[in-house]
Amino acid sequence: MKNINLILIICVLFFSCKKDKNISFPQELYFNKLNVKSQFKLYTKGSEITNQAIINKFKTDPYFFTIEKQKFANEKITFLSQDTALFGDSYRYSVLKNKNLFLFYAPTFSFGSSDFIPDILKYTSKNIPVSPLNQYDHLPKMVQVAHGSFRELDFSALSYLLVTRYSRKSGIIYNEVNDNITAELGALDTLAVVEYTINFRAR
């Protein structure tokens, strides 16, 4: 049985790679559907909270954790090549592909953005030297994450609320939760998330 499973995996990888090799560019993908990947999750330093009474306190305002599909209704992603993609009509991202994992690196840095919380994210960029800006000389770029192929992608999305001793941040990040999130959070931090996937496909 193990040998059969291994053969099936190899076949899937072979045909998916072959399919990508037959792609011609530019390749346009359009919004198709929005799915909830996981329900409300709550994390603190060292553990995930499962006590429903505590969870309900963070769910009092559903605005923080809802993504409306209308937000993406007219969105389009254009692969100009295997390593470059255009989001909409103007935002050019560099693309790093590893099997069915796609990482999209933004043309701008994360400084001043709600996305500048790399400790909670699974995929981040290296810090890149920049001209001194508000005492920063190295900054990461924003990274968006998707799984699939050049013809169809499921983008990962987090609708989140991060509460620390000094601040509250909320928003949508097109990435995934760090596998070691409970270790990365501060002693008084609380992170609430709902995970989504956003499907784009070629017409």
N, C-alpha and C. Protein backbone atom coordinates (compact mmCIF):
# COMPACT_ATOMS: atom_id res chain seq x y z
N MET A 1 0.82 -1.20 0.00
CA MET A 1 0.00 0.00 0.00
C MET A 1 0.86 1.26 0.00
N LYS A 2 1.95 1.24 0.77
CA LYS A 2 2.85 2.40 0.82
C LYS A 2 3.45 2.66 -0.54
N ASN A 3 3.83 1.57 -1.26
CA ASN A 3 4.42 1.73 -2.59
C ASN A 3 3.43 2.34 -3.57
N ILE A 4 2.16 1.92 -3.46
CA ILE A 4 1.12 2.45 -4.35
C ILE A 4 0.93 3.94 -4.10
N ASN A 5 0.88 4.33 -2.81
CA ASN A 5 0.73 5.75 -2.46
C ASN A 5 1.89 6.57 -2.98
N LEU A 6 3.10 6.02 -2.87
CA LEU A 6 4.29 6.74 -3.35
C LEU A 6 4.23 6.94 -4.85
N ILE A 7 3.80 5.91 -5.57
CA ILE A 7 3.67 6.01 -7.03
C ILE A 7 2.64 7.08 -7.41
N LEU A 8 1.52 7.12 -6.67
CA LEU A 8 0.48 8.11 -6.95
C LEU A 8 0.99 9.52 -6.74
N ILE A 9 1.75 9.73 -5.67
CA ILE A 9 2.31 11.06 -5.38
C ILE A 9 3.26 11.48 -6.48
N ILE A 10 4.13 10.55 -6.92
CA ILE A 10 5.09 10.85 -7.98
C ILE A 10 4.36 11.22 -9.27
N CYS A 11 3.29 10.49 -9.58
CA CYS A 11 2.51 10.77 -10.80
C CYS A 11 1.88 12.15 -10.74
N VAL A 12 1.32 12.50 -9.58
CA VAL A 12 0.69 13.82 -9.43
C VAL A 12 1.71 14.93 -9.63
N LEU A 13 2.89 14.77 -9.01
CA LEU A 13 3.93 15.78 -9.16
C LEU A 13 4.41 15.87 -10.60
N PHE A 14 4.55 14.72 -11.27
CA PHE A 14 5.04 14.69 -12.65
C PHE A 14 4.08 15.44 -13.57
N PHE A 15 2.77 15.13 -13.45
CA PHE A 15 1.81 15.74 -14.36
C PHE A 15 1.58 17.22 -14.04
N SER A 16 1.70 17.60 -12.76
CA SER A 16 1.55 19.01 -12.43
C SER A 16 2.72 19.81 -12.97
N CYS A 17 3.94 19.25 -12.90
CA CYS A 17 5.11 19.92 -13.45
C CYS A 17 5.01 20.02 -14.96
N LYS A 18 4.55 18.94 -15.59
CA LYS A 18 4.41 18.92 -17.04
C LYS A 18 3.38 19.96 -17.48
N LYS A 19 2.30 20.09 -16.70
CA LYS A 19 1.24 21.04 -17.02
C LYS A 19 1.79 22.46 -16.98
N ASP A 20 2.62 22.78 -15.96
CA ASP A 20 3.19 24.12 -15.84
C ASP A 20 4.16 24.42 -16.97
N LYS A 21 4.86 23.40 -17.48
CA LYS A 21 5.81 23.62 -18.56
C LYS A 21 5.11 24.01 -19.84
N ASN A 22 3.83 23.65 -19.98
CA ASN A 22 3.08 23.96 -21.19
C ASN A 22 2.39 25.32 -21.11
N ILE A 23 2.63 26.05 -20.04
CA ILE A 23 1.99 27.35 -19.87
C ILE A 23 2.61 28.37 -20.81
N SER A 24 1.76 29.22 -21.40
CA SER A 24 2.24 30.34 -22.19
C SER A 24 1.90 31.63 -21.43
N PHE A 25 2.75 32.61 -21.56
CA PHE A 25 2.56 33.87 -20.84
C PHE A 25 2.31 35.00 -21.83
N PRO A 26 1.53 36.02 -21.42
CA PRO A 26 0.96 36.20 -20.08
C PRO A 26 -0.20 35.24 -19.81
N GLN A 27 -0.39 34.91 -18.53
CA GLN A 27 -1.46 34.02 -18.09
C GLN A 27 -2.31 34.77 -17.07
N GLU A 28 -3.61 34.92 -17.36
CA GLU A 28 -4.49 35.71 -16.50
C GLU A 28 -5.37 34.80 -15.64
N LEU A 29 -5.44 35.13 -14.35
CA LEU A 29 -6.31 34.43 -13.40
C LEU A 29 -7.31 35.41 -12.82
N TYR A 30 -8.54 34.96 -12.65
CA TYR A 30 -9.61 35.83 -12.16
C TYR A 30 -10.21 35.24 -10.88
N PHE A 31 -10.73 36.12 -10.05
CA PHE A 31 -11.36 35.67 -8.81
C PHE A 31 -12.48 34.69 -9.10
N ASN A 32 -12.50 33.59 -8.35
CA ASN A 32 -13.52 32.56 -8.53
C ASN A 32 -14.39 32.38 -7.29
N LYS A 33 -13.76 32.16 -6.13
CA LYS A 33 -14.56 31.95 -4.92
C LYS A 33 -13.73 32.19 -3.66
N LEU A 34 -14.44 32.40 -2.57
CA LEU A 34 -13.84 32.61 -1.25
C LEU A 34 -14.32 31.52 -0.32
N ASN A 35 -13.40 30.85 0.38
CA ASN A 35 -13.75 29.77 1.29
C ASN A 35 -13.18 30.03 2.68
N VAL A 36 -13.92 29.61 3.70
CA VAL A 36 -13.39 29.62 5.06
C VAL A 36 -12.57 28.35 5.26
N LYS A 37 -11.29 28.51 5.57
CA LYS A 37 -10.40 27.37 5.75
C LYS A 37 -10.49 26.83 7.17
N SER A 38 -10.53 27.71 8.15
CA SER A 38 -10.65 27.29 9.55
C SER A 38 -11.45 28.32 10.32
N GLN A 39 -12.18 27.86 11.29
CA GLN A 39 -12.98 28.76 12.10
C GLN A 39 -12.09 29.52 13.08
N PHE A 40 -12.72 30.33 13.89
CA PHE A 40 -12.04 31.23 14.82
C PHE A 40 -11.03 30.50 15.70
N LYS A 41 -9.78 31.02 15.72
CA LYS A 41 -8.74 30.47 16.59
C LYS A 41 -8.16 31.58 17.44
N LEU A 42 -7.79 31.22 18.66
CA LEU A 42 -7.28 32.21 19.61
C LEU A 42 -5.99 31.69 20.23
N TYR A 43 -4.92 32.51 20.16
CA TYR A 43 -3.62 32.08 20.65
C TYR A 43 -3.08 33.07 21.68
N THR A 44 -2.37 32.52 22.68
CA THR A 44 -1.60 33.34 23.60
C THR A 44 -0.22 32.72 23.72
N LYS A 45 0.63 33.34 24.51
CA LYS A 45 1.97 32.81 24.72
C LYS A 45 1.90 31.39 25.25
N GLY A 46 2.42 30.44 24.49
CA GLY A 46 2.54 29.07 24.97
C GLY A 46 1.38 28.14 24.68
N SER A 47 0.22 28.68 24.22
CA SER A 47 -0.90 27.76 24.01
C SER A 47 -1.98 28.36 23.12
N GLU A 48 -2.83 27.48 22.59
CA GLU A 48 -4.03 27.90 21.89
C GLU A 48 -5.19 27.81 22.87
N ILE A 49 -5.99 28.87 22.92
CA ILE A 49 -7.12 28.91 23.84
C ILE A 49 -8.33 28.20 23.23
N THR A 50 -8.90 27.27 23.97
CA THR A 50 -10.09 26.55 23.49
C THR A 50 -11.32 26.81 24.37
N ASN A 51 -11.15 27.58 25.44
CA ASN A 51 -12.26 27.91 26.33
C ASN A 51 -13.25 28.81 25.58
N GLN A 52 -14.46 28.31 25.36
CA GLN A 52 -15.42 29.01 24.52
C GLN A 52 -15.83 30.35 25.10
N ALA A 53 -15.90 30.47 26.41
CA ALA A 53 -16.29 31.73 27.04
C ALA A 53 -15.27 32.83 26.73
N ILE A 54 -13.99 32.47 26.77
CA ILE A 54 -12.93 33.45 26.44
C ILE A 54 -12.97 33.79 24.96
N ILE A 55 -13.17 32.77 24.13
CA ILE A 55 -13.23 32.98 22.69
C ILE A 55 -14.37 33.93 22.34
N ASN A 56 -15.52 33.77 22.98
CA ASN A 56 -16.69 34.60 22.67
C ASN A 56 -16.44 36.08 22.94
N LYS A 57 -15.57 36.39 23.91
CA LYS A 57 -15.26 37.78 24.21
C LYS A 57 -14.57 38.44 23.02
N PHE A 58 -13.77 37.66 22.28
CA PHE A 58 -13.06 38.21 21.14
C PHE A 58 -13.91 38.20 19.87
N LYS A 59 -15.03 37.49 19.91
CA LYS A 59 -15.88 37.39 18.73
C LYS A 59 -17.04 38.38 18.75
N THR A 60 -17.02 39.32 19.71
CA THR A 60 -18.14 40.24 19.84
C THR A 60 -18.30 41.15 18.63
N ASP A 61 -17.19 41.46 17.95
CA ASP A 61 -17.26 42.30 16.76
C ASP A 61 -16.83 41.49 15.55
N PRO A 62 -17.79 40.93 14.79
CA PRO A 62 -17.45 40.06 13.66
C PRO A 62 -16.73 40.81 12.54
N TYR A 63 -16.77 42.15 12.59
CA TYR A 63 -16.10 42.95 11.54
C TYR A 63 -14.63 42.57 11.42
N PHE A 64 -13.99 42.28 12.54
CA PHE A 64 -12.57 41.97 12.55
C PHE A 64 -12.27 40.69 11.78
N PHE A 65 -13.21 39.77 11.69
CA PHE A 65 -12.90 38.42 11.21
C PHE A 65 -13.69 38.02 9.96
N THR A 66 -14.25 39.00 9.28
CA THR A 66 -15.04 38.71 8.10
C THR A 66 -14.37 39.27 6.84
N ILE A 67 -14.25 38.44 5.82
CA ILE A 67 -13.76 38.89 4.53
C ILE A 67 -14.92 38.76 3.55
N GLU A 68 -15.27 39.86 2.90
CA GLU A 68 -16.37 39.85 1.94
C GLU A 68 -15.85 39.51 0.55
N LYS A 69 -16.53 38.59 -0.14
CA LYS A 69 -16.06 38.18 -1.46
C LYS A 69 -16.15 39.31 -2.48
N GLN A 70 -17.03 40.31 -2.20
CA GLN A 70 -17.15 41.43 -3.12
C GLN A 70 -15.83 42.20 -3.24
N LYS A 71 -15.00 42.09 -2.21
CA LYS A 71 -13.71 42.77 -2.20
C LYS A 71 -12.84 42.33 -3.38
N PHE A 72 -13.06 41.09 -3.86
CA PHE A 72 -12.20 40.52 -4.90
C PHE A 72 -12.92 40.35 -6.23
N ALA A 73 -14.17 40.78 -6.30
CA ALA A 73 -15.01 40.48 -7.46
C ALA A 73 -14.37 40.86 -8.79
N ASN A 74 -13.66 41.99 -8.81
CA ASN A 74 -13.08 42.46 -10.07
C ASN A 74 -11.56 42.30 -10.11
N GLU A 75 -11.03 41.49 -9.21
CA GLU A 75 -9.59 41.33 -9.13
C GLU A 75 -9.06 40.38 -10.20
N LYS A 76 -7.86 40.68 -10.67
CA LYS A 76 -7.20 39.86 -11.69
C LYS A 76 -5.71 39.78 -11.37
N ILE A 77 -5.14 38.60 -11.59
CA ILE A 77 -3.70 38.40 -11.44
C ILE A 77 -3.15 37.96 -12.78
N THR A 78 -2.11 38.62 -13.25
CA THR A 78 -1.53 38.28 -14.55
C THR A 78 -0.09 37.84 -14.36
N PHE A 79 0.19 36.58 -14.68
CA PHE A 79 1.57 36.12 -14.71
C PHE A 79 2.21 36.62 -16.01
N LEU A 80 3.16 37.52 -15.88
CA LEU A 80 3.88 38.01 -17.05
C LEU A 80 4.96 37.02 -17.48
N SER A 81 5.44 36.26 -16.50
CA SER A 81 6.43 35.21 -16.74
C SER A 81 6.38 34.28 -15.53
N GLN A 82 7.26 33.30 -15.47
CA GLN A 82 7.27 32.39 -14.33
C GLN A 82 7.69 33.07 -13.04
N ASP A 83 8.39 34.19 -13.14
CA ASP A 83 8.89 34.83 -11.92
C ASP A 83 8.37 36.26 -11.72
N THR A 84 7.35 36.65 -12.48
CA THR A 84 6.78 37.99 -12.32
C THR A 84 5.27 37.95 -12.49
N ALA A 85 4.55 38.62 -11.58
CA ALA A 85 3.10 38.68 -11.66
C ALA A 85 2.62 40.09 -11.41
N LEU A 86 1.54 40.44 -12.07
CA LEU A 86 0.92 41.75 -11.93
C LEU A 86 -0.39 41.58 -11.19
N PHE A 87 -0.54 42.28 -10.07
CA PHE A 87 -1.79 42.26 -9.31
C PHE A 87 -2.60 43.47 -9.75
N GLY A 88 -3.79 43.23 -10.29
CA GLY A 88 -4.54 44.34 -10.86
C GLY A 88 -3.85 44.83 -12.11
N ASP A 89 -3.72 46.14 -12.22
CA ASP A 89 -3.10 46.73 -13.41
C ASP A 89 -1.74 47.36 -13.13
N SER A 90 -1.32 47.38 -11.85
CA SER A 90 -0.11 48.17 -11.58
C SER A 90 0.87 47.58 -10.58
N TYR A 91 0.44 46.66 -9.71
CA TYR A 91 1.33 46.17 -8.66
C TYR A 91 2.10 44.95 -9.15
N ARG A 92 3.39 45.13 -9.39
CA ARG A 92 4.23 44.07 -9.94
C ARG A 92 4.95 43.33 -8.81
N TYR A 93 4.72 42.03 -8.71
CA TYR A 93 5.32 41.20 -7.68
C TYR A 93 6.33 40.24 -8.31
N SER A 94 7.41 39.97 -7.59
CA SER A 94 8.31 38.89 -8.01
C SER A 94 7.78 37.58 -7.43
N VAL A 95 7.96 36.49 -8.17
CA VAL A 95 7.35 35.21 -7.81
C VAL A 95 8.44 34.17 -7.57
N LEU A 96 8.31 33.45 -6.47
CA LEU A 96 9.17 32.30 -6.19
C LEU A 96 8.27 31.08 -6.09
N LYS A 97 8.49 30.11 -6.97
CA LYS A 97 7.65 28.92 -7.02
C LYS A 97 8.45 27.71 -6.55
N ASN A 98 7.86 26.92 -5.65
CA ASN A 98 8.46 25.67 -5.19
C ASN A 98 7.37 24.61 -5.20
N LYS A 99 7.37 23.77 -6.26
CA LYS A 99 6.30 22.78 -6.48
C LYS A 99 4.97 23.53 -6.58
N ASN A 100 4.04 23.31 -5.65
CA ASN A 100 2.75 23.99 -5.76
C ASN A 100 2.64 25.21 -4.84
N LEU A 101 3.76 25.60 -4.22
CA LEU A 101 3.79 26.77 -3.35
C LEU A 101 4.28 27.98 -4.13
N PHE A 102 3.51 29.06 -4.10
CA PHE A 102 3.87 30.31 -4.75
C PHE A 102 4.04 31.39 -3.69
N LEU A 103 5.19 32.06 -3.69
CA LEU A 103 5.42 33.20 -2.82
C LEU A 103 5.55 34.44 -3.69
N PHE A 104 4.73 35.44 -3.38
CA PHE A 104 4.72 36.69 -4.14
C PHE A 104 5.34 37.78 -3.28
N TYR A 105 6.44 38.34 -3.75
CA TYR A 105 7.17 39.37 -3.00
C TYR A 105 6.78 40.74 -3.52
N ALA A 106 6.29 41.58 -2.62
CA ALA A 106 5.79 42.89 -3.01
C ALA A 106 6.92 43.82 -3.45
N PRO A 107 6.58 44.82 -4.27
CA PRO A 107 7.59 45.78 -4.70
C PRO A 107 7.95 46.80 -3.62
N THR A 108 7.16 46.84 -2.54
CA THR A 108 7.40 47.81 -1.48
C THR A 108 7.75 47.10 -0.18
N PHE A 109 8.31 47.87 0.76
CA PHE A 109 8.67 47.33 2.06
C PHE A 109 7.49 47.41 3.02
N SER A 110 7.61 46.69 4.14
CA SER A 110 6.48 46.55 5.07
C SER A 110 6.39 47.67 6.08
N PHE A 111 7.34 48.60 6.10
CA PHE A 111 7.33 49.63 7.12
C PHE A 111 6.04 50.45 7.08
N GLY A 112 5.45 50.65 8.24
CA GLY A 112 4.26 51.47 8.33
C GLY A 112 2.98 50.75 7.94
N SER A 113 3.07 49.47 7.66
CA SER A 113 1.90 48.71 7.22
C SER A 113 1.42 47.80 8.33
N SER A 114 0.11 47.47 8.30
CA SER A 114 -0.43 46.52 9.28
C SER A 114 0.18 45.14 9.06
N ASP A 115 0.79 44.93 7.89
CA ASP A 115 1.41 43.64 7.60
C ASP A 115 2.78 43.50 8.25
N PHE A 116 3.24 44.56 8.92
CA PHE A 116 4.57 44.52 9.52
C PHE A 116 4.51 43.83 10.88
N ILE A 117 4.14 42.56 10.87
CA ILE A 117 4.10 41.73 12.08
C ILE A 117 4.66 40.36 11.70
N PRO A 118 5.93 40.31 11.27
CA PRO A 118 6.48 39.07 10.72
C PRO A 118 6.49 37.89 11.69
N ASP A 119 6.51 38.16 13.00
CA ASP A 119 6.60 37.06 13.96
C ASP A 119 5.40 36.13 13.90
N ILE A 120 4.25 36.61 13.47
CA ILE A 120 3.06 35.74 13.45
C ILE A 120 2.88 35.04 12.11
N LEU A 121 3.75 35.35 11.13
CA LEU A 121 3.56 34.83 9.78
C LEU A 121 4.47 33.65 9.47
N LYS A 122 3.96 32.72 8.68
CA LYS A 122 4.72 31.53 8.31
C LYS A 122 5.78 31.83 7.25
N TYR A 123 5.43 32.72 6.31
CA TYR A 123 6.36 33.03 5.22
C TYR A 123 6.71 34.52 5.26
N THR A 124 8.00 34.81 5.33
CA THR A 124 8.46 36.18 5.38
C THR A 124 9.67 36.34 4.46
N SER A 125 10.04 37.56 4.19
CA SER A 125 11.23 37.81 3.38
C SER A 125 12.41 38.11 4.29
N LYS A 126 13.59 38.04 3.72
CA LYS A 126 14.77 38.46 4.46
C LYS A 126 14.75 39.97 4.62
N ASN A 127 15.43 40.45 5.65
CA ASN A 127 15.58 41.89 5.80
C ASN A 127 16.54 42.41 4.74
N ILE A 128 16.14 43.45 4.04
CA ILE A 128 16.90 43.97 2.92
C ILE A 128 17.42 45.35 3.28
N PRO A 129 18.70 45.65 3.00
CA PRO A 129 19.23 46.98 3.30
C PRO A 129 18.46 48.07 2.55
N VAL A 130 18.12 49.14 3.26
CA VAL A 130 17.42 50.28 2.65
C VAL A 130 18.08 51.57 3.13
N SER A 131 17.74 52.65 2.47
CA SER A 131 18.21 53.96 2.94
C SER A 131 17.62 54.21 4.32
N PRO A 132 18.38 54.80 5.24
CA PRO A 132 17.88 55.02 6.60
C PRO A 132 16.51 55.68 6.60
N LEU A 133 15.56 55.06 7.26
CA LEU A 133 14.19 55.56 7.31
C LEU A 133 13.65 55.34 8.71
N ASN A 134 13.48 56.45 9.43
CA ASN A 134 12.99 56.35 10.81
C ASN A 134 13.79 55.34 11.62
N GLN A 135 15.11 55.39 11.48
CA GLN A 135 16.06 54.56 12.23
C GLN A 135 16.11 53.11 11.76
N TYR A 136 15.40 52.77 10.68
CA TYR A 136 15.48 51.42 10.12
C TYR A 136 16.48 51.43 8.96
N ASP A 137 17.41 50.49 8.98
CA ASP A 137 18.32 50.38 7.83
C ASP A 137 18.13 49.05 7.10
N HIS A 138 17.32 48.14 7.69
CA HIS A 138 16.96 46.88 7.04
C HIS A 138 15.46 46.64 7.24
N LEU A 139 14.77 46.27 6.19
CA LEU A 139 13.34 46.01 6.27
C LEU A 139 12.97 44.79 5.42
N PRO A 140 11.92 44.06 5.83
CA PRO A 140 11.43 42.95 5.00
C PRO A 140 10.43 43.46 3.97
N LYS A 141 10.20 42.67 2.93
CA LYS A 141 9.13 42.96 1.99
C LYS A 141 7.91 42.14 2.35
N MET A 142 6.74 42.64 1.99
CA MET A 142 5.51 41.89 2.22
C MET A 142 5.47 40.67 1.31
N VAL A 143 5.00 39.55 1.85
CA VAL A 143 4.93 38.31 1.09
C VAL A 143 3.49 37.81 1.10
N GLN A 144 2.96 37.53 -0.10
CA GLN A 144 1.65 36.90 -0.22
C GLN A 144 1.85 35.44 -0.62
N VAL A 145 0.97 34.57 -0.12
CA VAL A 145 1.17 33.12 -0.25
C VAL A 145 -0.01 32.48 -0.97
N ALA A 146 0.31 31.57 -1.90
CA ALA A 146 -0.74 30.82 -2.59
C ALA A 146 -0.25 29.41 -2.89
N HIS A 147 -1.21 28.51 -3.13
CA HIS A 147 -0.91 27.12 -3.48
C HIS A 147 -1.67 26.77 -4.75
N GLY A 148 -1.00 26.05 -5.65
CA GLY A 148 -1.68 25.64 -6.87
C GLY A 148 -0.77 25.61 -8.07
N SER A 149 -1.23 26.22 -9.17
CA SER A 149 -0.48 26.21 -10.43
C SER A 149 -0.64 27.56 -11.11
N PHE A 150 0.00 27.71 -12.27
CA PHE A 150 -0.13 28.97 -13.01
C PHE A 150 -1.55 29.15 -13.56
N ARG A 151 -2.35 28.09 -13.57
CA ARG A 151 -3.72 28.18 -14.07
C ARG A 151 -4.75 28.36 -12.96
N GLU A 152 -4.40 27.95 -11.75
CA GLU A 152 -5.34 28.08 -10.63
C GLU A 152 -4.58 28.17 -9.32
N LEU A 153 -4.95 29.16 -8.49
CA LEU A 153 -4.27 29.39 -7.22
C LEU A 153 -5.28 29.58 -6.10
N ASP A 154 -4.93 29.04 -4.92
CA ASP A 154 -5.66 29.33 -3.70
C ASP A 154 -4.77 30.19 -2.81
N PHE A 155 -5.10 31.48 -2.72
CA PHE A 155 -4.35 32.38 -1.85
C PHE A 155 -4.76 32.17 -0.40
N SER A 156 -3.77 32.17 0.48
CA SER A 156 -4.04 32.09 1.91
C SER A 156 -4.35 33.49 2.43
N ALA A 157 -5.30 33.57 3.35
CA ALA A 157 -5.66 34.87 3.93
C ALA A 157 -5.99 34.71 5.41
N LEU A 158 -5.53 35.65 6.19
CA LEU A 158 -5.81 35.69 7.63
C LEU A 158 -6.57 36.97 7.93
N SER A 159 -7.73 36.84 8.52
CA SER A 159 -8.40 38.00 9.10
C SER A 159 -8.09 37.95 10.59
N TYR A 160 -7.42 38.97 11.10
CA TYR A 160 -6.83 38.82 12.43
C TYR A 160 -7.06 40.03 13.33
N LEU A 161 -6.91 39.78 14.61
CA LEU A 161 -6.86 40.83 15.63
C LEU A 161 -5.73 40.46 16.58
N LEU A 162 -4.73 41.33 16.67
CA LEU A 162 -3.58 41.10 17.56
C LEU A 162 -3.61 42.15 18.66
N VAL A 163 -3.73 41.69 19.90
CA VAL A 163 -3.77 42.57 21.05
C VAL A 163 -2.50 42.38 21.86
N THR A 164 -1.75 43.46 22.05
CA THR A 164 -0.53 43.41 22.86
C THR A 164 -0.69 44.36 24.04
N ARG A 165 0.33 44.45 24.83
CA ARG A 165 0.30 45.34 26.00
C ARG A 165 0.12 46.79 25.56
N TYR A 166 0.63 47.12 24.38
CA TYR A 166 0.67 48.53 23.96
C TYR A 166 -0.26 48.87 22.80
N SER A 167 -0.79 47.87 22.11
CA SER A 167 -1.56 48.22 20.90
C SER A 167 -2.55 47.12 20.52
N ARG A 168 -3.42 47.49 19.57
CA ARG A 168 -4.34 46.54 18.92
C ARG A 168 -4.19 46.71 17.42
N LYS A 169 -3.92 45.63 16.73
CA LYS A 169 -3.82 45.66 15.27
C LYS A 169 -4.82 44.68 14.69
N SER A 170 -5.44 45.08 13.59
CA SER A 170 -6.37 44.17 12.92
C SER A 170 -6.27 44.41 11.43
N GLY A 171 -6.70 43.41 10.66
CA GLY A 171 -6.66 43.55 9.21
C GLY A 171 -6.69 42.21 8.52
N ILE A 172 -6.31 42.23 7.25
CA ILE A 172 -6.24 41.02 6.43
C ILE A 172 -4.83 40.89 5.89
N ILE A 173 -4.25 39.72 6.07
CA ILE A 173 -2.91 39.43 5.55
C ILE A 173 -3.00 38.19 4.67
N TYR A 174 -2.37 38.27 3.51
CA TYR A 174 -2.42 37.15 2.56
C TYR A 174 -1.21 36.25 2.79
N ASN A 175 -1.27 35.54 3.89
CA ASN A 175 -0.17 34.71 4.36
C ASN A 175 -0.76 33.63 5.24
N GLU A 176 0.07 32.92 5.99
CA GLU A 176 -0.40 31.86 6.87
C GLU A 176 0.21 32.04 8.26
N VAL A 177 -0.44 31.42 9.25
CA VAL A 177 0.01 31.55 10.63
C VAL A 177 1.31 30.77 10.84
N ASN A 178 2.24 31.40 11.50
CA ASN A 178 3.50 30.76 11.87
C ASN A 178 3.22 29.45 12.62
N ASP A 179 3.92 28.37 12.23
CA ASP A 179 3.73 27.07 12.89
C ASP A 179 4.08 27.15 14.37
N ASN A 180 4.96 28.08 14.75
CA ASN A 180 5.39 28.23 16.15
C ASN A 180 4.78 29.48 16.77
N ILE A 181 3.56 29.80 16.38
CA ILE A 181 2.96 31.06 16.79
C ILE A 181 2.90 31.24 18.30
N THR A 182 2.59 30.17 19.04
CA THR A 182 2.46 30.33 20.50
C THR A 182 3.79 30.64 21.17
N ALA A 183 4.89 30.28 20.52
CA ALA A 183 6.21 30.61 21.05
C ALA A 183 6.62 32.03 20.67
N GLU A 184 6.09 32.52 19.53
CA GLU A 184 6.49 33.84 19.04
C GLU A 184 5.75 34.99 19.73
N LEU A 185 4.57 34.71 20.26
CA LEU A 185 3.80 35.78 20.90
C LEU A 185 4.45 36.22 22.20
N GLY A 186 4.24 37.50 22.54
CA GLY A 186 4.75 38.03 23.79
C GLY A 186 3.93 37.54 24.97
N ALA A 187 4.43 37.78 26.18
CA ALA A 187 3.80 37.25 27.39
C ALA A 187 2.35 37.71 27.55
N LEU A 188 2.04 38.94 27.12
CA LEU A 188 0.68 39.47 27.28
C LEU A 188 -0.06 39.61 25.95
N ASP A 189 0.45 38.97 24.91
CA ASP A 189 -0.17 39.07 23.59
C ASP A 189 -1.30 38.06 23.42
N THR A 190 -2.30 38.46 22.64
CA THR A 190 -3.37 37.56 22.24
C THR A 190 -3.64 37.75 20.75
N LEU A 191 -3.67 36.66 20.02
CA LEU A 191 -3.92 36.71 18.59
C LEU A 191 -5.17 35.91 18.25
N ALA A 192 -6.12 36.56 17.58
CA ALA A 192 -7.33 35.89 17.10
C ALA A 192 -7.31 35.89 15.58
N VAL A 193 -7.59 34.74 14.98
CA VAL A 193 -7.57 34.66 13.52
C VAL A 193 -8.70 33.78 12.99
N VAL A 194 -9.15 34.10 11.78
CA VAL A 194 -9.97 33.20 10.97
C VAL A 194 -9.24 33.07 9.64
N GLU A 195 -9.03 31.83 9.19
CA GLU A 195 -8.27 31.58 7.98
C GLU A 195 -9.20 31.35 6.79
N TYR A 196 -8.83 31.93 5.66
CA TYR A 196 -9.59 31.81 4.42
C TYR A 196 -8.67 31.34 3.28
N THR A 197 -9.29 30.85 2.21
CA THR A 197 -8.58 30.70 0.94
C THR A 197 -9.36 31.46 -0.12
N ILE A 198 -8.62 32.11 -1.02
CA ILE A 198 -9.24 32.90 -2.09
C ILE A 198 -8.79 32.29 -3.40
N ASN A 199 -9.74 31.74 -4.13
CA ASN A 199 -9.43 30.99 -5.35
C ASN A 199 -9.46 31.89 -6.59
N PHE A 200 -8.36 31.84 -7.36
CA PHE A 200 -8.27 32.51 -8.65
C PHE A 200 -8.00 31.43 -9.70
N ARG A 201 -8.64 31.54 -10.85
CA ARG A 201 -8.40 30.56 -11.90
C ARG A 201 -8.48 31.20 -13.28
N ALA A 202 -7.83 30.54 -14.23
CA ALA A 202 -7.87 31.01 -15.62
C ALA A 202 -9.25 30.73 -16.21
N ARG A 203 -9.70 31.59 -17.10
CA ARG A 203 -11.00 31.40 -17.74
C ARG A 203 -10.84 30.61 -19.04
